[in-house]
Amino acid sequence: MPIETGTMIYCVIPQELEAELYEKLVEHYKDNPNVEVIVDRRSGPDRRSNGSGPPEGEQRIIRDRRRMRPSLGSTDVPESAFE
């Protein structure tokens, strides 16, 4: 199977499963340079829950970040074009 280059995959293992999985996964992916096995060592409170999100009960607004295209106005073909 050909290995695609340029796309890195991080196989993240929870710290609680490190002893059980880390060596097995490193061995499994040893021939694929695009995969890196890492252990998640973060601890403490989740920093995303700092109150900066939407107030309780409200949904987050997802916006389309693509550049807006200019409006072309009406694209209807005038009746006179068919005569």
C-alpha atoms as a PDB file:
ATOM      1  CA  MET A   1       0.000   0.000   0.000  1.00  0.00           C
ATOM      2  CA  PRO A   2       1.552   3.354  -1.002  1.00  0.00           C
ATOM      3  CA  ILE A   3       2.087   5.861   1.772  1.00  0.00           C
ATOM      4  CA  GLU A   4       0.791   9.360   1.071  1.00  0.00           C
ATOM      5  CA  THR A   5       3.224  12.099   2.018  1.00  0.00           C
ATOM      6  CA  GLY A   6       2.351  15.500   3.378  1.00  0.00           C
ATOM      7  CA  THR A   7      -0.470  14.475   5.696  1.00  0.00           C
ATOM      8  CA  MET A   8       0.559  13.890   9.305  1.00  0.00           C
ATOM      9  CA  ILE A   9      -1.610  11.726  11.528  1.00  0.00           C
ATOM     10  CA  TYR A  10      -1.292  11.950  15.300  1.00  0.00           C
ATOM     11  CA  CYS A  11      -2.445   8.862  17.155  1.00  0.00           C
ATOM     12  CA  VAL A  12      -3.215  10.248  20.623  1.00  0.00           C
ATOM     13  CA  ILE A  13      -3.341   7.834  23.539  1.00  0.00           C
ATOM     14  CA  PRO A  14      -4.883   8.801  26.888  1.00  0.00           C
ATOM     15  CA  GLN A  15      -2.307   8.672  29.671  1.00  0.00           C
ATOM     16  CA  GLU A  16      -4.328   5.966  31.460  1.00  0.00           C
ATOM     17  CA  LEU A  17      -3.814   3.596  28.482  1.00  0.00           C
ATOM     18  CA  GLU A  18      -0.158   4.381  27.814  1.00  0.00           C
ATOM     19  CA  ALA A  19       1.234   1.196  29.412  1.00  0.00           C
ATOM     20  CA  GLU A  20      -1.213  -0.971  27.477  1.00  0.00           C
ATOM     21  CA  LEU A  21      -1.172   0.668  24.025  1.00  0.00           C
ATOM     22  CA  TYR A  22       1.853   2.889  23.388  1.00  0.00           C
ATOM     23  CA  GLU A  23       4.452   0.250  22.405  1.00  0.00           C
ATOM     24  CA  LYS A  24       1.892  -1.743  20.391  1.00  0.00           C
ATOM     25  CA  LEU A  25       0.862   1.288  18.355  1.00  0.00           C
ATOM     26  CA  VAL A  26       4.443   2.482  17.814  1.00  0.00           C
ATOM     27  CA  GLU A  27       5.261  -0.981  16.459  1.00  0.00           C
ATOM     28  CA  HIS A  28       2.110  -1.029  14.309  1.00  0.00           C
ATOM     29  CA  TYR A  29       2.880   2.347  12.675  1.00  0.00           C
ATOM     30  CA  LYS A  30       6.700   2.040  12.536  1.00  0.00           C
ATOM     31  CA  ASP A  31       6.742   1.781   8.719  1.00  0.00           C
ATOM     32  CA  ASN A  32       4.488   4.798   8.199  1.00  0.00           C
ATOM     33  CA  PRO A  33       6.428   8.074   8.586  1.00  0.00           C
ATOM     34  CA  ASN A  34       3.168  10.035   8.450  1.00  0.00           C
ATOM     35  CA  VAL A  35       1.892   8.647  11.763  1.00  0.00           C
ATOM     36  CA  GLU A  36       3.182   9.781  15.133  1.00  0.00           C
ATOM     37  CA  VAL A  37       1.983   8.079  18.301  1.00  0.00           C
ATOM     38  CA  ILE A  38       1.783  10.471  21.258  1.00  0.00           C
ATOM     39  CA  VAL A  39       0.529  10.302  24.837  1.00  0.00           C
ATOM     40  CA  ASP A  40      -1.906  12.960  26.037  1.00  0.00           C
ATOM     41  CA  ARG A  41      -0.326  14.247  29.232  1.00  0.00           C
ATOM     42  CA  ARG A  42      -2.606  17.235  29.766  1.00  0.00           C
ATOM     43  CA  SER A  43      -4.000  17.602  33.260  1.00  0.00           C
ATOM     44  CA  GLY A  44      -6.084  20.081  35.161  1.00  0.00           C
ATOM     45  CA  PRO A  45      -9.328  21.772  34.202  1.00  0.00           C
ATOM     46  CA  ASP A  46     -10.353  22.063  30.586  1.00  0.00           C
ATOM     47  CA  ARG A  47      -9.276  25.549  29.509  1.00  0.00           C
ATOM     48  CA  ARG A  48     -12.089  25.740  26.981  1.00  0.00           C
ATOM     49  CA  SER A  49     -14.625  25.998  29.782  1.00  0.00           C
ATOM     50  CA  ASN A  50     -13.532  29.503  30.758  1.00  0.00           C
ATOM     51  CA  GLY A  51     -16.953  31.064  30.303  1.00  0.00           C
ATOM     52  CA  SER A  52     -16.111  32.651  26.955  1.00  0.00           C
ATOM     53  CA  GLY A  53     -18.619  30.484  25.088  1.00  0.00           C
ATOM     54  CA  PRO A  54     -22.297  31.261  24.501  1.00  0.00           C
ATOM     55  CA  PRO A  55     -24.505  31.676  27.581  1.00  0.00           C
ATOM     56  CA  GLU A  56     -26.249  28.587  28.932  1.00  0.00           C
ATOM     57  CA  GLY A  57     -29.133  27.482  26.728  1.00  0.00           C
ATOM     58  CA  GLU A  58     -27.963  29.379  23.617  1.00  0.00           C
ATOM     59  CA  GLN A  59     -26.477  27.699  20.599  1.00  0.00           C
ATOM     60  CA  ARG A  60     -23.226  28.713  19.015  1.00  0.00           C
ATOM     61  CA  ILE A  61     -23.574  30.579  15.717  1.00  0.00           C
ATOM     62  CA  ILE A  62     -21.640  28.932  12.911  1.00  0.00           C
ATOM     63  CA  ARG A  63     -20.702  31.368  10.189  1.00  0.00           C
ATOM     64  CA  ASP A  64     -19.528  30.709   6.666  1.00  0.00           C
ATOM     65  CA  ARG A  65     -16.028  32.211   6.543  1.00  0.00           C
ATOM     66  CA  ARG A  66     -15.645  32.047   2.793  1.00  0.00           C
ATOM     67  CA  ARG A  67     -15.330  35.374   1.034  1.00  0.00           C
ATOM     68  CA  MET A  68     -18.666  36.899   0.081  1.00  0.00           C
ATOM     69  CA  ARG A  69     -19.225  37.170  -3.648  1.00  0.00           C
ATOM     70  CA  PRO A  70     -20.743  40.304  -5.101  1.00  0.00           C
ATOM     71  CA  SER A  71     -24.419  40.115  -5.925  1.00  0.00           C
ATOM     72  CA  LEU A  72     -25.152  39.977  -9.651  1.00  0.00           C
ATOM     73  CA  GLY A  73     -28.660  41.260  -9.226  1.00  0.00           C
ATOM     74  CA  SER A  74     -31.419  39.628 -11.227  1.00  0.00           C
ATOM     75  CA  THR A  75     -30.279  36.884 -13.591  1.00  0.00           C
ATOM     76  CA  ASP A  76     -33.675  36.500 -15.236  1.00  0.00           C
ATOM     77  CA  VAL A  77     -33.559  36.644 -19.016  1.00  0.00           C
ATOM     78  CA  PRO A  78     -35.852  39.384 -20.377  1.00  0.00           C
ATOM     79  CA  GLU A  79     -38.815  38.228 -22.471  1.00  0.00           C
ATOM     80  CA  SER A  80     -37.549  40.264 -25.411  1.00  0.00           C
ATOM     81  CA  ALA A  81     -34.554  37.937 -25.711  1.00  0.00           C
ATOM     82  CA  PHE A  82     -36.850  35.129 -26.875  1.00  0.00           C
ATOM     83  CA  GLU A  83     -38.477  37.101 -29.700  1.00  0.00           C
END
